[in-house]
Amino acid sequence: DGIEFTGCLYSCPAGTYGNATDFTNAECSGLCFPGHYCPAGTATPTPCPVGTYLPVTGGGSETSCLPCIPGTYSDALGSSADGCAPCAAGSFSSTLRAASCDPCPVGGYCESEGAASASMAFTPCPAGTYNEQTGASDDASCVPCPVGTANPVPGSASASVCIDCLPGSYASATGAGICTLCEAGEW
């Protein structure tokens, strides 16, 4: 007499989602949208994690989300067509799936955008200067040693490297790498 209902027989296939009831075909509500993935039976698409992106529709699992490559990052859930942004000058990222970029180390600066490692982008401050700050993007961050001091070591990270000139030598300008010896008969 009556048909006995025992439950739904099918789930929405991977790559699609169903956010309504009473579906009559496998298309469900539609393809999972960019920046999201939909395993089989998904009612609400899941955003791709930070450090990844998905520029197309129909992602069926988290592995559908593409990783940000070294030198780029994505700090947002569900990144789509925009993909991953390059690290700004003064920073780098050396890993896949980076959610942020690391600051350039002390002692120098990183001018390049999209750097995949500190060594790829790092330029040490010249002798006679130092840089105590991370994230520097140009040589303006290299602070010259004051008059009367010198620093022969490039890439220095502290003002303490600026050493007073010894008696019988001098540094008459800022940023000296070495102290100049006085001529005979001078001090």
Protein backbone atom coordinates (compact mmCIF):
# COMPACT_ATOMS: atom_id res chain seq x y z
CA ASP A 1 0.00 0.00 0.00
CA GLY A 2 2.45 2.72 1.04
CA ILE A 3 6.09 3.17 0.13
CA GLU A 4 8.33 2.97 3.12
CA PHE A 5 10.86 5.82 3.16
CA THR A 6 14.20 4.81 4.67
CA GLY A 7 16.22 8.00 4.14
CA CYS A 8 18.02 9.87 1.42
CA LEU A 9 20.03 7.63 -0.85
CA TYR A 10 22.52 10.14 -2.28
CA SER A 11 24.77 12.95 -1.09
CA CYS A 12 25.75 15.94 -3.15
CA PRO A 13 28.95 14.87 -4.97
CA ALA A 14 32.36 16.32 -4.06
CA GLY A 15 32.81 19.74 -5.68
CA THR A 16 29.13 20.67 -5.23
CA TYR A 17 27.06 21.82 -2.27
CA GLY A 18 23.43 21.58 -1.28
CA ASN A 19 22.09 24.31 0.96
CA ALA A 20 18.41 23.53 0.43
CA THR A 21 16.16 20.47 0.80
CA ASP A 22 14.39 18.18 -1.67
CA PHE A 23 17.06 17.91 -4.39
CA THR A 24 16.06 15.75 -7.31
CA ASN A 25 19.41 15.52 -9.11
CA ALA A 26 23.17 15.42 -8.46
CA GLU A 27 23.71 19.09 -9.34
CA CYS A 28 22.46 20.07 -5.86
CA SER A 29 22.73 23.87 -5.33
CA GLY A 30 25.68 24.15 -7.71
CA LEU A 31 29.44 23.94 -7.97
CA CYS A 32 31.51 24.90 -4.99
CA PHE A 33 32.66 28.48 -5.58
CA PRO A 34 36.23 29.84 -5.91
CA GLY A 35 38.26 30.00 -2.70
CA HIS A 36 36.22 27.14 -1.17
CA TYR A 37 36.04 23.36 -1.33
CA CYS A 38 33.12 20.96 -0.90
CA PRO A 39 33.58 17.31 0.08
CA ALA A 40 30.71 14.94 -0.75
CA GLY A 41 27.54 15.84 1.17
CA THR A 42 28.52 19.46 1.82
CA ALA A 43 25.76 21.86 2.80
CA THR A 44 28.04 24.89 3.34
CA PRO A 45 31.28 25.33 1.34
CA THR A 46 34.47 25.38 3.45
CA PRO A 47 36.90 28.26 2.81
CA CYS A 48 40.43 27.38 1.76
CA PRO A 49 42.83 27.88 4.69
CA VAL A 50 45.18 30.84 4.99
CA GLY A 51 48.31 30.35 2.92
CA THR A 52 46.29 28.84 0.05
CA TYR A 53 43.91 29.92 -2.71
CA LEU A 54 41.57 28.38 -5.28
CA PRO A 55 40.80 30.40 -8.43
CA VAL A 56 38.25 27.97 -9.94
CA THR A 57 34.88 26.43 -9.05
CA GLY A 58 34.30 22.81 -8.05
CA GLY A 59 37.02 22.12 -5.47
CA GLY A 60 36.21 18.76 -3.86
CA SER A 61 38.69 18.69 -0.95
CA GLU A 62 41.20 20.82 0.91
CA THR A 63 43.90 19.48 -1.42
CA SER A 64 42.13 21.42 -4.21
CA CYS A 65 43.39 24.63 -2.55
CA LEU A 66 46.68 25.69 -4.11
CA PRO A 67 49.56 26.61 -1.79
CA CYS A 68 51.17 30.03 -1.79
CA ILE A 69 54.70 29.60 -3.11
CA PRO A 70 57.80 30.97 -1.36
CA GLY A 71 57.94 34.74 -1.75
CA THR A 72 54.15 35.05 -1.48
CA TYR A 73 51.48 34.80 1.24
CA SER A 74 47.74 34.81 1.86
CA ASP A 75 46.40 35.87 5.25
CA ALA A 76 42.72 35.41 4.39
CA LEU A 77 40.41 32.41 4.48
CA GLY A 78 38.82 31.62 1.13
CA SER A 79 41.26 33.40 -1.20
CA SER A 80 40.20 33.00 -4.79
CA ALA A 81 41.24 34.62 -8.06
CA ASP A 82 43.52 37.16 -6.41
CA GLY A 83 45.71 34.29 -5.27
CA CYS A 84 48.67 35.02 -3.05
CA ALA A 85 50.29 38.43 -2.67
CA PRO A 86 54.04 38.93 -3.08
CA CYS A 87 55.96 39.75 0.09
CA ALA A 88 56.66 43.49 0.23
CA ALA A 89 60.17 44.91 0.18
CA GLY A 90 61.59 44.53 3.68
CA SER A 91 60.19 41.01 4.06
CA PHE A 92 60.35 37.47 2.64
CA SER A 93 58.64 34.08 2.96
CA SER A 94 60.59 30.88 2.51
CA THR A 95 57.84 28.30 3.00
CA LEU A 96 54.85 26.97 1.10
CA ARG A 97 51.46 28.05 2.46
CA ALA A 98 52.75 31.19 4.18
CA ALA A 99 50.08 33.20 5.99
CA SER A 100 52.48 36.12 6.45
CA CYS A 101 55.95 37.27 5.51
CA ASP A 102 58.96 37.39 7.83
CA PRO A 103 60.75 40.72 8.35
CA CYS A 104 64.18 41.30 6.88
CA PRO A 105 66.81 40.69 9.60
CA VAL A 106 68.84 43.35 11.41
CA GLY A 107 72.17 44.52 9.99
CA GLY A 108 70.90 45.32 6.52
CA TYR A 109 67.84 45.65 4.31
CA CYS A 110 65.78 43.72 1.72
CA GLU A 111 64.89 45.80 -1.36
CA SER A 112 63.25 43.06 -3.43
CA GLU A 113 59.52 42.42 -3.54
CA GLY A 114 58.53 38.74 -3.56
CA ALA A 115 61.71 37.43 -1.93
CA ALA A 116 61.71 33.70 -1.14
CA SER A 117 64.53 33.86 1.42
CA ALA A 118 66.47 36.36 3.50
CA SER A 119 69.69 35.47 1.68
CA MET A 120 67.99 36.10 -1.67
CA ALA A 121 67.04 39.66 -0.74
CA PHE A 122 69.37 40.72 2.08
CA THR A 123 71.94 43.46 1.50
CA PRO A 124 74.21 44.12 4.48
CA CYS A 125 74.69 47.70 5.62
CA PRO A 126 78.16 48.91 4.54
CA ALA A 127 81.10 49.26 6.91
CA GLY A 128 80.77 52.45 8.95
CA THR A 129 77.04 51.90 9.47
CA TYR A 130 74.64 49.62 11.37
CA ASN A 131 70.92 48.74 11.43
CA GLU A 132 69.18 47.65 14.65
CA GLN A 133 65.68 47.30 13.11
CA THR A 134 64.04 44.34 11.34
CA GLY A 135 61.96 44.86 8.19
CA ALA A 136 64.16 47.48 6.53
CA SER A 137 63.55 47.90 2.79
CA ASP A 138 66.33 50.30 1.73
CA ASP A 139 69.77 51.63 2.65
CA ALA A 140 68.25 54.62 4.46
CA SER A 141 67.90 52.26 7.43
CA CYS A 142 71.69 51.98 7.71
CA VAL A 143 72.70 54.46 10.43
CA PRO A 144 76.18 56.00 10.05
CA CYS A 145 78.64 55.82 12.95
CA PRO A 146 79.19 59.27 14.50
CA VAL A 147 82.27 61.45 13.89
CA GLY A 148 85.26 60.16 15.87
CA THR A 149 84.19 56.51 15.57
CA ALA A 150 84.51 53.80 12.95
CA ASN A 151 83.12 50.35 12.15
CA PRO A 152 85.01 48.09 9.70
CA VAL A 153 82.35 45.32 9.71
CA PRO A 154 79.57 45.35 7.07
CA GLY A 155 76.16 44.06 8.19
CA SER A 156 76.44 45.30 11.76
CA ALA A 157 73.30 45.22 13.89
CA SER A 158 74.15 47.52 16.81
CA ALA A 159 75.51 51.01 17.56
CA SER A 160 78.02 49.32 19.88
CA VAL A 161 80.13 48.42 16.80
CA CYS A 162 81.04 52.09 16.32
CA ILE A 163 84.39 52.15 18.16
CA ASP A 164 86.17 55.35 19.23
CA CYS A 165 89.28 56.10 17.18
CA LEU A 166 92.52 55.51 19.11
CA PRO A 167 94.87 58.40 19.93
CA GLY A 168 96.85 59.27 16.81
CA SER A 169 93.89 58.50 14.50
CA TYR A 170 90.64 60.20 13.59
CA ALA A 171 87.32 59.91 11.72
CA SER A 172 86.27 63.40 10.61
CA ALA A 173 82.99 62.34 8.96
CA THR A 174 80.08 60.13 9.92
CA GLY A 175 79.98 56.59 8.54
CA ALA A 176 83.72 55.87 8.66
CA GLY A 177 84.73 52.28 8.09
CA ILE A 178 88.20 52.85 9.51
CA CYS A 179 89.99 55.56 11.46
CA THR A 180 92.64 57.51 9.52
CA LEU A 181 96.13 57.70 11.03
CA CYS A 182 97.47 61.16 11.77
CA GLU A 183 100.42 62.31 9.64
CA ALA A 184 103.89 62.65 11.13
CA GLY A 185 103.94 65.69 13.38
CA GLU A 186 100.13 65.66 13.91
CA TRP A 187 97.89 64.26 16.62
